[in-house]
N, C-alpha and C. Protein backbone atom coordinates (compact mmCIF):
# COMPACT_ATOMS: atom_id res chain seq x y z
N UNK A 1 -78.30 30.43 21.77
CA UNK A 1 -77.89 29.22 21.08
C UNK A 1 -79.13 28.38 20.81
N UNK A 2 -79.33 27.99 19.54
CA UNK A 2 -80.50 27.20 19.21
C UNK A 2 -80.27 25.72 19.55
N UNK A 3 -81.33 24.92 19.44
CA UNK A 3 -81.28 23.50 19.83
C UNK A 3 -80.25 22.73 19.03
N UNK A 4 -80.16 23.00 17.71
CA UNK A 4 -79.20 22.28 16.87
C UNK A 4 -77.77 22.55 17.32
N UNK A 5 -77.46 23.80 17.66
CA UNK A 5 -76.12 24.14 18.15
C UNK A 5 -75.84 23.45 19.47
N UNK A 6 -76.85 23.41 20.36
CA UNK A 6 -76.67 22.73 21.64
C UNK A 6 -76.44 21.23 21.42
N UNK A 7 -77.19 20.63 20.50
CA UNK A 7 -77.02 19.21 20.21
C UNK A 7 -75.63 18.93 19.65
N UNK A 8 -75.15 19.79 18.74
CA UNK A 8 -73.81 19.62 18.16
C UNK A 8 -72.73 19.78 19.21
N UNK A 9 -72.91 20.75 20.11
CA UNK A 9 -71.93 20.96 21.18
C UNK A 9 -71.89 19.74 22.10
N UNK A 10 -73.06 19.23 22.48
CA UNK A 10 -73.12 18.05 23.33
C UNK A 10 -72.55 16.85 22.60
N UNK A 11 -72.89 16.72 21.33
CA UNK A 11 -72.40 15.61 20.52
C UNK A 11 -70.88 15.58 20.52
N UNK A 12 -70.28 16.73 20.30
CA UNK A 12 -68.83 16.76 20.26
C UNK A 12 -68.24 16.46 21.64
N UNK A 13 -68.94 16.81 22.72
CA UNK A 13 -68.45 16.52 24.06
C UNK A 13 -68.38 15.02 24.32
N UNK A 14 -69.37 14.28 23.87
CA UNK A 14 -69.38 12.82 24.06
C UNK A 14 -68.22 12.20 23.30
N UNK A 15 -68.08 12.54 22.03
CA UNK A 15 -66.99 11.99 21.22
C UNK A 15 -65.63 12.45 21.76
N UNK A 16 -65.55 13.70 22.21
CA UNK A 16 -64.30 14.22 22.76
C UNK A 16 -63.91 13.45 24.02
N UNK A 17 -64.86 13.16 24.87
CA UNK A 17 -64.56 12.41 26.09
C UNK A 17 -64.04 11.02 25.76
N UNK A 18 -64.65 10.35 24.79
CA UNK A 18 -64.16 9.03 24.38
C UNK A 18 -62.75 9.12 23.83
N UNK A 19 -62.48 10.16 23.03
CA UNK A 19 -61.15 10.35 22.46
C UNK A 19 -60.12 10.67 23.55
N UNK A 20 -60.48 11.52 24.51
CA UNK A 20 -59.57 11.86 25.61
C UNK A 20 -59.20 10.62 26.42
N UNK A 21 -60.19 9.77 26.68
CA UNK A 21 -59.93 8.54 27.43
C UNK A 21 -58.96 7.65 26.66
N UNK A 22 -59.22 7.49 25.37
CA UNK A 22 -58.36 6.65 24.53
C UNK A 22 -56.94 7.19 24.50
N UNK A 23 -56.79 8.49 24.33
CA UNK A 23 -55.46 9.11 24.31
C UNK A 23 -54.77 8.98 25.67
N UNK A 24 -55.49 9.22 26.74
CA UNK A 24 -54.92 9.09 28.07
C UNK A 24 -54.44 7.68 28.35
N UNK A 25 -55.24 6.70 27.96
CA UNK A 25 -54.85 5.31 28.14
C UNK A 25 -53.61 4.99 27.31
N UNK A 26 -53.54 5.56 26.11
CA UNK A 26 -52.36 5.36 25.26
C UNK A 26 -51.10 5.93 25.89
N UNK A 27 -51.20 7.12 26.47
CA UNK A 27 -50.04 7.73 27.13
C UNK A 27 -49.62 6.90 28.34
N UNK A 28 -50.60 6.44 29.10
CA UNK A 28 -50.31 5.61 30.27
C UNK A 28 -49.59 4.33 29.83
N UNK A 29 -50.08 3.72 28.75
CA UNK A 29 -49.49 2.48 28.23
C UNK A 29 -48.06 2.70 27.77
N UNK A 30 -47.79 3.84 27.14
CA UNK A 30 -46.42 4.15 26.71
C UNK A 30 -45.48 4.30 27.89
N UNK A 31 -45.94 4.92 28.95
CA UNK A 31 -45.09 5.24 30.10
C UNK A 31 -44.93 4.08 31.07
N UNK A 32 -45.98 3.29 31.23
CA UNK A 32 -45.94 2.18 32.19
C UNK A 32 -46.56 0.94 31.53
N UNK A 33 -45.90 0.40 30.51
CA UNK A 33 -46.52 -0.69 29.74
C UNK A 33 -46.78 -1.96 30.55
N UNK A 34 -45.91 -2.28 31.51
CA UNK A 34 -46.10 -3.52 32.27
C UNK A 34 -47.37 -3.47 33.11
N UNK A 35 -47.69 -2.31 33.66
CA UNK A 35 -48.93 -2.18 34.44
C UNK A 35 -50.12 -2.14 33.50
N UNK A 36 -50.00 -1.39 32.42
CA UNK A 36 -51.11 -1.27 31.46
C UNK A 36 -51.49 -2.63 30.89
N UNK A 37 -50.50 -3.44 30.54
CA UNK A 37 -50.79 -4.78 29.99
C UNK A 37 -51.55 -5.63 31.01
N UNK A 38 -51.10 -5.59 32.25
CA UNK A 38 -51.77 -6.39 33.29
C UNK A 38 -53.17 -5.87 33.59
N UNK A 39 -53.31 -4.55 33.62
CA UNK A 39 -54.64 -3.97 33.84
C UNK A 39 -55.57 -4.35 32.70
N UNK A 40 -55.09 -4.21 31.46
CA UNK A 40 -55.92 -4.56 30.30
C UNK A 40 -56.30 -6.04 30.31
N UNK A 41 -55.36 -6.90 30.66
CA UNK A 41 -55.65 -8.34 30.73
C UNK A 41 -56.70 -8.62 31.81
N UNK A 42 -56.58 -7.94 32.94
CA UNK A 42 -57.54 -8.11 34.04
C UNK A 42 -58.94 -7.67 33.61
N UNK A 43 -59.04 -6.46 33.02
CA UNK A 43 -60.36 -5.98 32.63
C UNK A 43 -60.96 -6.82 31.50
N UNK A 44 -60.11 -7.28 30.57
CA UNK A 44 -60.62 -8.16 29.51
C UNK A 44 -61.20 -9.44 30.10
N UNK A 45 -60.51 -10.00 31.10
CA UNK A 45 -61.01 -11.21 31.76
C UNK A 45 -62.32 -10.92 32.49
N UNK A 46 -62.40 -9.76 33.14
CA UNK A 46 -63.61 -9.40 33.88
C UNK A 46 -64.81 -9.23 32.96
N UNK A 47 -64.59 -8.70 31.75
CA UNK A 47 -65.68 -8.41 30.84
C UNK A 47 -65.94 -9.54 29.83
N UNK A 48 -65.18 -10.62 29.92
CA UNK A 48 -65.41 -11.76 29.03
C UNK A 48 -66.70 -12.47 29.43
N UNK A 49 -67.33 -13.11 28.45
CA UNK A 49 -68.55 -13.87 28.73
C UNK A 49 -68.24 -14.97 29.73
N UNK A 50 -69.07 -15.09 30.71
CA UNK A 50 -68.94 -16.13 31.73
C UNK A 50 -70.33 -16.50 32.19
N UNK A 51 -70.51 -16.61 33.50
CA UNK A 51 -71.84 -16.86 34.04
C UNK A 51 -72.77 -15.69 33.70
N UNK A 52 -72.19 -14.50 33.60
CA UNK A 52 -72.93 -13.32 33.14
C UNK A 52 -72.54 -13.04 31.70
N UNK A 53 -73.46 -12.52 30.94
CA UNK A 53 -73.15 -12.14 29.56
C UNK A 53 -72.35 -10.83 29.56
N UNK A 54 -71.72 -10.53 28.43
CA UNK A 54 -71.00 -9.27 28.30
C UNK A 54 -71.97 -8.09 28.40
N UNK A 55 -73.17 -8.28 27.92
CA UNK A 55 -74.20 -7.25 28.02
C UNK A 55 -74.52 -6.96 29.49
N UNK A 56 -74.73 -8.00 30.27
CA UNK A 56 -75.02 -7.81 31.69
C UNK A 56 -73.86 -7.14 32.41
N UNK A 57 -72.64 -7.51 32.05
CA UNK A 57 -71.47 -6.92 32.68
C UNK A 57 -71.34 -5.43 32.34
N UNK A 58 -71.68 -5.06 31.11
CA UNK A 58 -71.66 -3.64 30.75
C UNK A 58 -72.72 -2.86 31.52
N UNK A 59 -73.88 -3.45 31.74
CA UNK A 59 -74.92 -2.77 32.50
C UNK A 59 -74.49 -2.58 33.95
N UNK A 60 -73.83 -3.58 34.52
CA UNK A 60 -73.29 -3.43 35.88
C UNK A 60 -72.26 -2.32 35.92
N UNK A 61 -71.35 -2.32 34.95
CA UNK A 61 -70.30 -1.30 34.90
C UNK A 61 -70.90 0.10 34.75
N UNK A 62 -71.95 0.22 33.95
CA UNK A 62 -72.60 1.52 33.81
C UNK A 62 -73.20 1.96 35.14
N UNK A 63 -73.85 1.05 35.83
CA UNK A 63 -74.43 1.38 37.13
C UNK A 63 -73.38 1.84 38.13
N UNK A 64 -72.26 1.14 38.18
CA UNK A 64 -71.17 1.52 39.09
C UNK A 64 -70.60 2.88 38.67
N UNK A 65 -70.47 3.10 37.38
CA UNK A 65 -69.94 4.38 36.88
C UNK A 65 -70.84 5.54 37.27
N UNK A 66 -72.14 5.36 37.13
CA UNK A 66 -73.09 6.41 37.51
C UNK A 66 -73.04 6.63 39.02
N UNK A 67 -73.03 5.56 39.77
CA UNK A 67 -72.99 5.67 41.23
C UNK A 67 -71.74 6.41 41.70
N UNK A 68 -70.61 6.15 41.02
CA UNK A 68 -69.34 6.78 41.43
C UNK A 68 -69.12 8.14 40.76
N UNK A 69 -70.07 8.57 39.91
CA UNK A 69 -70.01 9.88 39.26
C UNK A 69 -68.79 10.05 38.36
N UNK A 70 -68.38 8.97 37.70
CA UNK A 70 -67.22 8.99 36.79
C UNK A 70 -67.73 9.21 35.37
N UNK A 71 -67.67 10.48 34.92
CA UNK A 71 -68.27 10.83 33.64
C UNK A 71 -67.63 10.11 32.46
N UNK A 72 -66.31 9.93 32.47
CA UNK A 72 -65.66 9.21 31.37
C UNK A 72 -66.18 7.77 31.30
N UNK A 73 -66.27 7.12 32.45
CA UNK A 73 -66.76 5.73 32.45
C UNK A 73 -68.25 5.65 32.15
N UNK A 74 -69.00 6.67 32.54
CA UNK A 74 -70.43 6.68 32.20
C UNK A 74 -70.58 6.65 30.68
N UNK A 75 -69.84 7.51 30.00
CA UNK A 75 -69.91 7.56 28.54
C UNK A 75 -69.39 6.25 27.94
N UNK A 76 -68.24 5.79 28.43
CA UNK A 76 -67.62 4.57 27.90
C UNK A 76 -68.54 3.36 28.06
N UNK A 77 -69.17 3.21 29.23
CA UNK A 77 -70.01 2.03 29.47
C UNK A 77 -71.41 2.19 28.89
N UNK A 78 -71.86 3.43 28.66
CA UNK A 78 -73.09 3.61 27.88
C UNK A 78 -72.84 3.08 26.47
N UNK A 79 -71.69 3.43 25.91
CA UNK A 79 -71.30 2.91 24.60
C UNK A 79 -71.18 1.40 24.64
N UNK A 80 -70.56 0.86 25.71
CA UNK A 80 -70.44 -0.59 25.86
C UNK A 80 -71.79 -1.28 25.89
N UNK A 81 -72.75 -0.67 26.58
CA UNK A 81 -74.10 -1.24 26.63
C UNK A 81 -74.72 -1.26 25.24
N UNK A 82 -74.61 -0.16 24.53
CA UNK A 82 -75.16 -0.10 23.18
C UNK A 82 -74.46 -1.09 22.27
N UNK A 83 -73.14 -1.18 22.37
CA UNK A 83 -72.37 -2.13 21.55
C UNK A 83 -72.78 -3.58 21.82
N UNK A 84 -73.21 -3.86 23.05
CA UNK A 84 -73.63 -5.22 23.40
C UNK A 84 -75.11 -5.46 23.15
N UNK A 85 -75.78 -4.48 22.54
CA UNK A 85 -77.17 -4.68 22.15
C UNK A 85 -78.21 -4.26 23.16
N UNK A 86 -77.84 -3.50 24.16
CA UNK A 86 -78.83 -3.02 25.13
C UNK A 86 -79.77 -2.03 24.45
N UNK A 87 -81.02 -2.14 24.80
CA UNK A 87 -81.99 -1.14 24.35
C UNK A 87 -81.90 0.06 25.29
N UNK A 88 -82.47 1.16 24.83
CA UNK A 88 -82.51 2.35 25.69
C UNK A 88 -83.26 2.03 26.99
N UNK A 89 -84.32 1.26 26.89
CA UNK A 89 -85.10 0.91 28.08
C UNK A 89 -84.27 0.09 29.07
N UNK A 90 -83.47 -0.86 28.57
CA UNK A 90 -82.61 -1.64 29.47
C UNK A 90 -81.59 -0.74 30.17
N UNK A 91 -81.03 0.20 29.42
CA UNK A 91 -80.05 1.12 30.01
C UNK A 91 -80.73 1.98 31.07
N UNK A 92 -81.91 2.50 30.76
CA UNK A 92 -82.59 3.36 31.73
C UNK A 92 -83.05 2.58 32.96
N UNK A 93 -83.42 1.31 32.79
CA UNK A 93 -83.75 0.49 33.97
C UNK A 93 -82.51 0.28 34.83
N UNK A 94 -81.36 0.07 34.19
CA UNK A 94 -80.10 -0.06 34.92
C UNK A 94 -79.85 1.18 35.75
N UNK A 95 -80.09 2.34 35.15
CA UNK A 95 -79.89 3.60 35.84
C UNK A 95 -80.92 3.79 36.95
N UNK A 96 -82.13 3.30 36.72
CA UNK A 96 -83.15 3.37 37.77
C UNK A 96 -82.73 2.61 39.01
N UNK A 97 -82.18 1.42 38.82
CA UNK A 97 -81.69 0.63 39.96
C UNK A 97 -80.54 1.38 40.65
N UNK A 98 -79.66 1.95 39.84
CA UNK A 98 -78.55 2.73 40.39
C UNK A 98 -79.06 3.90 41.21
N UNK A 99 -80.07 4.59 40.71
CA UNK A 99 -80.63 5.74 41.43
C UNK A 99 -81.28 5.32 42.74
N UNK A 100 -81.77 4.07 42.81
CA UNK A 100 -82.35 3.59 44.07
C UNK A 100 -81.29 3.58 45.18
N UNK A 101 -80.02 3.38 44.80
CA UNK A 101 -78.93 3.39 45.76
C UNK A 101 -78.22 4.74 45.82
N UNK A 102 -78.10 5.40 44.67
CA UNK A 102 -77.31 6.63 44.58
C UNK A 102 -78.10 7.90 44.70
N UNK A 103 -79.42 7.80 44.74
CA UNK A 103 -80.26 8.96 44.93
C UNK A 103 -80.19 9.97 43.80
N UNK A 104 -80.36 11.22 44.17
CA UNK A 104 -80.44 12.30 43.20
C UNK A 104 -79.21 12.46 42.35
N UNK A 105 -78.03 12.23 42.91
CA UNK A 105 -76.79 12.38 42.13
C UNK A 105 -76.76 11.38 40.99
N UNK A 106 -77.17 10.15 41.26
CA UNK A 106 -77.22 9.13 40.19
C UNK A 106 -78.32 9.47 39.19
N UNK A 107 -79.45 9.90 39.68
CA UNK A 107 -80.56 10.23 38.78
C UNK A 107 -80.19 11.41 37.88
N UNK A 108 -79.45 12.38 38.41
CA UNK A 108 -79.08 13.53 37.58
C UNK A 108 -78.19 13.11 36.42
N UNK A 109 -77.31 12.13 36.64
CA UNK A 109 -76.48 11.62 35.55
C UNK A 109 -77.34 10.86 34.54
N UNK A 110 -78.36 10.16 35.02
CA UNK A 110 -79.23 9.39 34.13
C UNK A 110 -80.03 10.29 33.22
N UNK A 111 -80.55 11.37 33.77
CA UNK A 111 -81.43 12.23 32.96
C UNK A 111 -80.64 13.23 32.13
N UNK A 112 -79.32 13.26 32.30
CA UNK A 112 -78.50 14.17 31.50
C UNK A 112 -77.51 13.37 30.67
N UNK A 113 -76.38 13.03 31.25
CA UNK A 113 -75.26 12.47 30.50
C UNK A 113 -75.58 11.13 29.84
N UNK A 114 -76.22 10.22 30.54
CA UNK A 114 -76.52 8.91 29.96
C UNK A 114 -77.46 9.06 28.76
N UNK A 115 -78.52 9.84 28.92
CA UNK A 115 -79.46 10.00 27.81
C UNK A 115 -78.82 10.74 26.63
N UNK A 116 -77.98 11.73 26.92
CA UNK A 116 -77.27 12.44 25.85
C UNK A 116 -76.32 11.50 25.12
N UNK A 117 -75.62 10.65 25.88
CA UNK A 117 -74.70 9.70 25.26
C UNK A 117 -75.45 8.69 24.40
N UNK A 118 -76.59 8.22 24.88
CA UNK A 118 -77.40 7.28 24.10
C UNK A 118 -77.78 7.92 22.77
N UNK A 119 -78.32 9.13 22.82
CA UNK A 119 -78.74 9.81 21.59
C UNK A 119 -77.57 9.99 20.64
N UNK A 120 -76.45 10.47 21.17
CA UNK A 120 -75.26 10.72 20.35
C UNK A 120 -74.73 9.43 19.74
N UNK A 121 -74.57 8.42 20.56
CA UNK A 121 -73.95 7.18 20.10
C UNK A 121 -74.87 6.38 19.19
N UNK A 122 -76.15 6.40 19.45
CA UNK A 122 -77.07 5.73 18.54
C UNK A 122 -77.09 6.43 17.20
N UNK A 123 -77.02 7.74 17.20
CA UNK A 123 -76.96 8.50 15.96
C UNK A 123 -75.71 8.20 15.16
N UNK A 124 -74.56 8.09 15.85
CA UNK A 124 -73.31 7.81 15.14
C UNK A 124 -73.27 6.37 14.65
N UNK A 125 -73.91 5.46 15.36
CA UNK A 125 -73.96 4.06 14.91
C UNK A 125 -74.81 3.93 13.65
N UNK A 126 -75.86 4.74 13.53
CA UNK A 126 -76.74 4.66 12.36
C UNK A 126 -76.06 5.21 11.11
N UNK A 127 -75.10 6.15 11.32
CA UNK A 127 -74.44 6.75 10.16
C UNK A 127 -73.20 5.99 9.74
N UNK A 128 -72.78 5.00 10.50
CA UNK A 128 -71.56 4.23 10.16
C UNK A 128 -71.91 2.87 9.64
């Protein structure tokens, strides 16, 4: 498999993970709407601008996602960081701090999934 095929396969994995999360959340909302509404209201309040900016909150969420090895949230919050204007360097510094606590497991996510998501999502943002 050449590099372009590998990039396309990885690219589709990032977008597929975002789509799977969205679909899963939709199914959950259909089946248990009262909990979904309260959960969504809670997370919206948590991520609203306050003493911390939305950008800072996304960086915290990305760090927690990497530390907990939650690949869906890693992708989702990498996107959130980019959407809030984080530079690649800010994201990688966030991951560096996470790796100081999470060790090799956190670093492995930083040098693989986070960087792949950044490349994929920055590329898709430039084409839209």
